[in-house]
N, C-alpha and C. Protein backbone atom coordinates (compact mmCIF):
# COMPACT_ATOMS: atom_id res chain seq x y z
N MET A 1 -3.90 6.12 7.16
CA MET A 1 -4.68 4.83 7.05
C MET A 1 -3.73 3.74 6.48
N SER A 2 -3.43 2.63 7.12
CA SER A 2 -2.76 1.65 6.55
C SER A 2 -3.62 0.77 5.52
N LYS A 3 -2.80 0.07 4.65
CA LYS A 3 -3.42 -0.81 3.63
C LYS A 3 -3.68 -2.08 4.28
N SER A 4 -4.85 -2.69 3.98
CA SER A 4 -5.09 -3.95 4.46
C SER A 4 -4.25 -5.06 3.88
N ILE A 5 -3.79 -6.11 4.52
CA ILE A 5 -2.91 -6.97 4.14
C ILE A 5 -3.86 -8.22 3.57
N LEU A 6 -5.31 -7.92 3.54
CA LEU A 6 -6.13 -8.86 3.07
C LEU A 6 -6.89 -8.47 1.90
N GLN A 7 -6.86 -7.22 1.53
CA GLN A 7 -7.79 -6.97 0.31
C GLN A 7 -6.97 -5.62 -0.38
N SER A 8 -7.16 -5.69 -1.54
CA SER A 8 -6.62 -4.42 -2.34
C SER A 8 -7.66 -3.62 -3.03
N GLU A 9 -8.85 -4.00 -2.82
CA GLU A 9 -10.08 -3.27 -3.40
C GLU A 9 -10.99 -2.90 -2.26
N LYS A 10 -11.59 -1.80 -2.43
CA LYS A 10 -12.63 -1.47 -1.30
C LYS A 10 -14.03 -2.18 -1.63
N GLU A 11 -14.24 -3.32 -1.10
CA GLU A 11 -15.37 -4.02 -1.19
C GLU A 11 -15.66 -4.87 -0.09
N CYS A 12 -16.88 -5.45 0.17
CA CYS A 12 -17.16 -6.27 1.34
C CYS A 12 -16.38 -7.49 1.22
N PHE A 13 -15.52 -7.87 2.18
CA PHE A 13 -14.44 -9.03 2.30
C PHE A 13 -15.37 -10.36 1.95
N ILE A 14 -16.47 -10.33 2.54
CA ILE A 14 -17.39 -11.59 2.53
C ILE A 14 -18.08 -11.76 1.22
N THR A 15 -18.84 -10.55 0.79
CA THR A 15 -19.77 -10.54 -0.46
C THR A 15 -19.31 -9.95 -1.63
N GLY A 16 -18.24 -9.02 -1.57
CA GLY A 16 -17.89 -8.25 -2.70
C GLY A 16 -18.65 -7.09 -2.96
N TYR A 17 -19.50 -6.67 -2.13
CA TYR A 17 -20.47 -5.51 -2.28
C TYR A 17 -19.58 -4.30 -2.18
N GLN A 18 -19.93 -3.40 -3.03
CA GLN A 18 -19.12 -2.23 -3.30
C GLN A 18 -19.76 -0.80 -2.75
N GLY A 19 -20.68 -0.99 -2.06
CA GLY A 19 -21.53 0.22 -1.53
C GLY A 19 -20.96 0.78 -0.39
N GLN A 20 -21.93 1.39 0.58
CA GLN A 20 -21.41 1.79 1.82
C GLN A 20 -20.82 0.59 2.72
N LEU A 21 -19.59 0.92 3.22
CA LEU A 21 -18.94 -0.22 3.87
C LEU A 21 -18.26 0.36 5.31
N ASP A 22 -18.14 -0.63 6.13
CA ASP A 22 -17.58 -0.32 7.42
C ASP A 22 -16.06 -1.18 7.40
N ARG A 23 -15.16 -0.32 8.12
CA ARG A 23 -13.90 -0.79 8.26
C ARG A 23 -13.80 -1.69 9.53
N HIS A 24 -13.54 -3.00 9.39
CA HIS A 24 -13.36 -3.77 10.67
C HIS A 24 -11.91 -4.21 11.13
N HIS A 25 -11.58 -3.84 12.17
CA HIS A 25 -10.14 -4.29 12.67
C HIS A 25 -10.42 -5.66 13.14
N ILE A 26 -9.49 -6.67 12.58
CA ILE A 26 -9.75 -8.04 12.96
C ILE A 26 -9.32 -8.29 14.42
N TYR A 27 -8.31 -7.57 14.91
CA TYR A 27 -7.91 -7.61 16.32
C TYR A 27 -8.16 -6.36 16.88
N ALA A 28 -9.17 -6.33 17.82
CA ALA A 28 -9.67 -5.13 18.48
C ALA A 28 -9.26 -4.99 19.82
N GLY A 29 -9.81 -3.90 20.53
CA GLY A 29 -9.46 -3.79 21.92
C GLY A 29 -8.15 -3.32 22.02
N ASN A 30 -7.21 -3.93 22.96
CA ASN A 30 -5.92 -3.39 23.05
C ASN A 30 -5.01 -3.89 21.96
N ARG A 31 -5.49 -4.37 20.98
CA ARG A 31 -4.80 -4.88 19.76
C ARG A 31 -5.17 -4.16 18.42
N ARG A 32 -5.95 -3.19 18.79
CA ARG A 32 -6.64 -2.36 17.58
C ARG A 32 -5.57 -1.43 16.92
N LYS A 33 -4.54 -0.94 17.69
CA LYS A 33 -3.49 -0.22 17.24
C LYS A 33 -2.55 -0.97 16.18
N ALA A 34 -2.30 -2.27 16.84
CA ALA A 34 -1.26 -3.10 15.97
C ALA A 34 -2.09 -3.61 14.68
N SER A 35 -3.47 -3.81 14.81
CA SER A 35 -4.18 -4.10 13.60
C SER A 35 -4.14 -3.06 12.61
N GLU A 36 -4.10 -1.72 13.07
CA GLU A 36 -4.25 -0.80 12.12
C GLU A 36 -2.65 -0.56 11.55
N LYS A 37 -1.55 -0.71 12.37
CA LYS A 37 -0.25 -0.58 11.92
C LYS A 37 0.05 -1.66 10.93
N TYR A 38 -0.40 -2.90 11.22
CA TYR A 38 -0.09 -4.00 10.25
C TYR A 38 -0.98 -4.37 9.27
N GLY A 39 -2.04 -3.44 9.23
CA GLY A 39 -2.95 -3.86 7.89
C GLY A 39 -3.99 -4.96 8.24
N CYS A 40 -4.19 -5.27 9.48
CA CYS A 40 -5.26 -6.28 9.90
C CYS A 40 -6.56 -5.80 9.95
N TRP A 41 -7.08 -5.49 8.87
CA TRP A 41 -8.49 -4.97 8.75
C TRP A 41 -9.10 -5.30 7.43
N VAL A 42 -10.40 -5.42 7.35
CA VAL A 42 -11.08 -5.63 6.02
C VAL A 42 -12.37 -4.67 6.22
N TRP A 43 -12.77 -4.44 4.81
CA TRP A 43 -14.07 -3.84 4.61
C TRP A 43 -15.19 -4.74 4.82
N LEU A 44 -16.33 -4.51 5.32
CA LEU A 44 -17.45 -5.26 5.53
C LEU A 44 -18.82 -4.48 5.35
N ARG A 45 -19.82 -5.10 4.71
CA ARG A 45 -21.04 -4.50 4.71
C ARG A 45 -21.48 -4.13 6.11
N HIS A 46 -22.19 -3.14 6.32
CA HIS A 46 -22.54 -2.64 7.71
C HIS A 46 -23.30 -3.73 8.36
N ASP A 47 -24.32 -4.32 7.85
CA ASP A 47 -25.16 -5.57 8.40
C ASP A 47 -24.12 -6.67 8.98
N ILE A 48 -23.28 -7.04 8.17
CA ILE A 48 -22.09 -8.04 8.50
C ILE A 48 -21.30 -7.61 9.48
N HIS A 49 -21.02 -6.28 9.57
CA HIS A 49 -20.07 -5.82 10.62
C HIS A 49 -20.86 -5.85 11.87
N MET A 50 -22.05 -5.40 11.86
CA MET A 50 -22.77 -5.39 13.12
C MET A 50 -23.14 -6.89 13.62
N GLU A 51 -23.35 -7.80 12.58
CA GLU A 51 -23.51 -9.32 12.96
C GLU A 51 -22.36 -9.82 13.75
N LEU A 52 -21.15 -9.43 13.12
CA LEU A 52 -19.89 -9.83 13.87
C LEU A 52 -19.77 -9.41 15.15
N HIS A 53 -19.95 -8.08 15.29
CA HIS A 53 -19.90 -7.44 16.66
C HIS A 53 -20.97 -8.09 17.60
N ASP A 54 -22.07 -8.56 17.17
CA ASP A 54 -23.07 -9.25 18.05
C ASP A 54 -22.63 -10.65 18.32
N ARG A 55 -21.43 -10.90 17.97
CA ARG A 55 -20.58 -12.22 18.55
C ARG A 55 -21.00 -13.37 17.47
N ASN A 56 -20.80 -13.14 16.14
CA ASN A 56 -20.75 -14.16 15.28
C ASN A 56 -19.39 -14.80 15.41
N LYS A 57 -19.30 -15.81 16.16
CA LYS A 57 -18.09 -16.35 16.52
C LYS A 57 -17.38 -17.12 15.54
N ALA A 58 -18.32 -17.78 14.62
CA ALA A 58 -17.68 -18.59 13.46
C ALA A 58 -17.02 -17.46 12.44
N LEU A 59 -17.55 -16.33 12.19
CA LEU A 59 -17.03 -15.39 11.17
C LEU A 59 -15.82 -14.71 11.79
N ASP A 60 -15.80 -14.49 13.15
CA ASP A 60 -14.75 -14.02 13.83
C ASP A 60 -13.54 -14.79 13.68
N ARG A 61 -13.86 -16.12 14.12
CA ARG A 61 -12.70 -17.07 13.86
C ARG A 61 -12.05 -17.14 12.46
N MET A 62 -13.00 -17.08 11.53
CA MET A 62 -12.48 -17.32 10.15
C MET A 62 -11.67 -15.92 9.70
N LEU A 63 -12.08 -14.90 10.14
CA LEU A 63 -11.45 -13.53 9.78
C LEU A 63 -9.98 -13.53 10.55
N ARG A 64 -9.99 -14.06 11.69
CA ARG A 64 -8.81 -14.28 12.55
C ARG A 64 -7.78 -15.15 11.90
N ARG A 65 -8.16 -16.36 11.70
CA ARG A 65 -7.41 -17.25 11.00
C ARG A 65 -6.81 -16.72 9.68
N THR A 66 -7.67 -16.33 8.76
CA THR A 66 -7.33 -15.89 7.48
C THR A 66 -6.22 -14.73 7.59
N CYS A 67 -6.37 -13.85 8.47
CA CYS A 67 -5.52 -12.65 8.79
C CYS A 67 -4.13 -13.20 9.44
N GLN A 68 -4.31 -14.06 10.33
CA GLN A 68 -2.97 -14.72 10.75
C GLN A 68 -2.27 -15.40 9.70
N GLU A 69 -2.89 -16.10 8.86
CA GLU A 69 -2.03 -16.80 7.80
C GLU A 69 -1.52 -15.92 6.86
N ARG A 70 -2.23 -14.72 6.62
CA ARG A 70 -1.69 -13.76 5.71
C ARG A 70 -0.35 -12.94 6.25
N PHE A 71 -0.60 -12.67 7.62
CA PHE A 71 0.53 -12.04 8.47
C PHE A 71 1.71 -12.85 8.40
N GLU A 72 1.48 -14.12 8.74
CA GLU A 72 2.74 -15.03 8.81
C GLU A 72 3.40 -15.25 7.43
N GLU A 73 2.69 -15.11 6.32
CA GLU A 73 3.22 -15.17 5.03
C GLU A 73 4.20 -14.00 4.83
N ILE A 74 3.67 -12.83 5.33
CA ILE A 74 4.50 -11.50 5.19
C ILE A 74 5.53 -11.46 6.13
N TYR A 75 5.32 -11.66 7.32
CA TYR A 75 6.33 -11.49 8.43
C TYR A 75 6.61 -12.79 9.02
N SER A 76 6.18 -13.18 10.12
CA SER A 76 6.60 -14.71 10.60
C SER A 76 5.58 -15.05 11.77
N HIS A 77 5.48 -16.37 12.10
CA HIS A 77 4.60 -16.87 13.21
C HIS A 77 5.18 -16.06 14.49
N ASP A 78 6.44 -16.20 14.67
CA ASP A 78 6.84 -15.59 15.99
C ASP A 78 6.59 -13.99 16.02
N GLU A 79 6.66 -13.29 14.98
CA GLU A 79 6.16 -11.73 15.03
C GLU A 79 4.78 -11.72 15.33
N PHE A 80 3.95 -12.48 14.76
CA PHE A 80 2.57 -12.55 14.87
C PHE A 80 2.37 -12.69 16.58
N MET A 81 2.83 -13.70 17.08
CA MET A 81 2.78 -14.01 18.57
C MET A 81 3.26 -12.73 19.30
N ASP A 82 4.41 -12.16 18.90
CA ASP A 82 4.87 -11.00 19.60
C ASP A 82 3.94 -9.78 19.58
N VAL A 83 3.52 -9.36 18.26
CA VAL A 83 2.70 -8.27 18.02
C VAL A 83 1.40 -8.32 18.68
N PHE A 84 0.70 -9.65 18.43
CA PHE A 84 -0.65 -9.65 19.06
C PHE A 84 -0.91 -10.30 20.25
N ASN A 85 0.34 -10.88 20.84
CA ASN A 85 0.24 -11.56 22.20
C ASN A 85 -0.82 -12.59 22.11
N MET A 86 -0.95 -13.43 21.13
CA MET A 86 -1.78 -14.51 20.95
C MET A 86 -1.18 -15.73 21.47
N TYR A 87 -2.13 -16.71 21.77
CA TYR A 87 -1.62 -17.97 22.35
C TYR A 87 -2.22 -18.96 21.04
N GLU A 88 -1.13 -19.78 20.84
CA GLU A 88 -1.38 -20.88 19.71
C GLU A 88 -2.62 -21.75 19.85
N GLU A 89 -2.91 -22.12 21.06
CA GLU A 89 -4.14 -22.91 21.29
C GLU A 89 -5.44 -22.37 20.71
N PHE A 90 -5.52 -21.04 20.60
CA PHE A 90 -6.67 -20.34 20.17
C PHE A 90 -6.64 -20.13 18.67
N TYR A 91 -5.43 -19.99 18.00
CA TYR A 91 -5.42 -19.68 16.58
C TYR A 91 -4.32 -20.58 16.04
N PRO A 92 -4.49 -21.97 16.04
CA PRO A 92 -3.51 -22.83 15.49
C PRO A 92 -3.34 -22.58 13.89
N ILE A 93 -2.11 -22.63 13.64
CA ILE A 93 -1.89 -22.67 12.20
C ILE A 93 -0.86 -24.04 11.85
N ALA A 94 -1.25 -24.80 10.97
CA ALA A 94 -0.49 -25.92 10.63
C ALA A 94 0.81 -25.49 10.08
N ILE A 95 1.98 -25.80 10.39
CA ILE A 95 3.28 -25.66 10.05
C ILE A 95 3.79 -26.74 9.25
N ALA A 96 3.97 -26.64 7.72
CA ALA A 96 4.39 -27.64 6.99
C ALA A 96 5.90 -27.88 7.25
């Protein structure tokens, strides 16, 4: 199991709850293996995890943006685009 690039403690990424938690891969589907390899996952309370999978788009966008920003701090924007085959218009990051 890879370490999360977003968390060092096993607690809900949203609430800080430390009870029973689900592991949520930020980029799922055909990107799930890359999420696992690069640590693009977080711990979530089960109810929040289920809400996310029931299409909480605002939470999904926040997690994806936060993860992309952290990934690009560690690696680079180009590597993010290559690894996750994402399109900038969906996940724009301001470049200073």
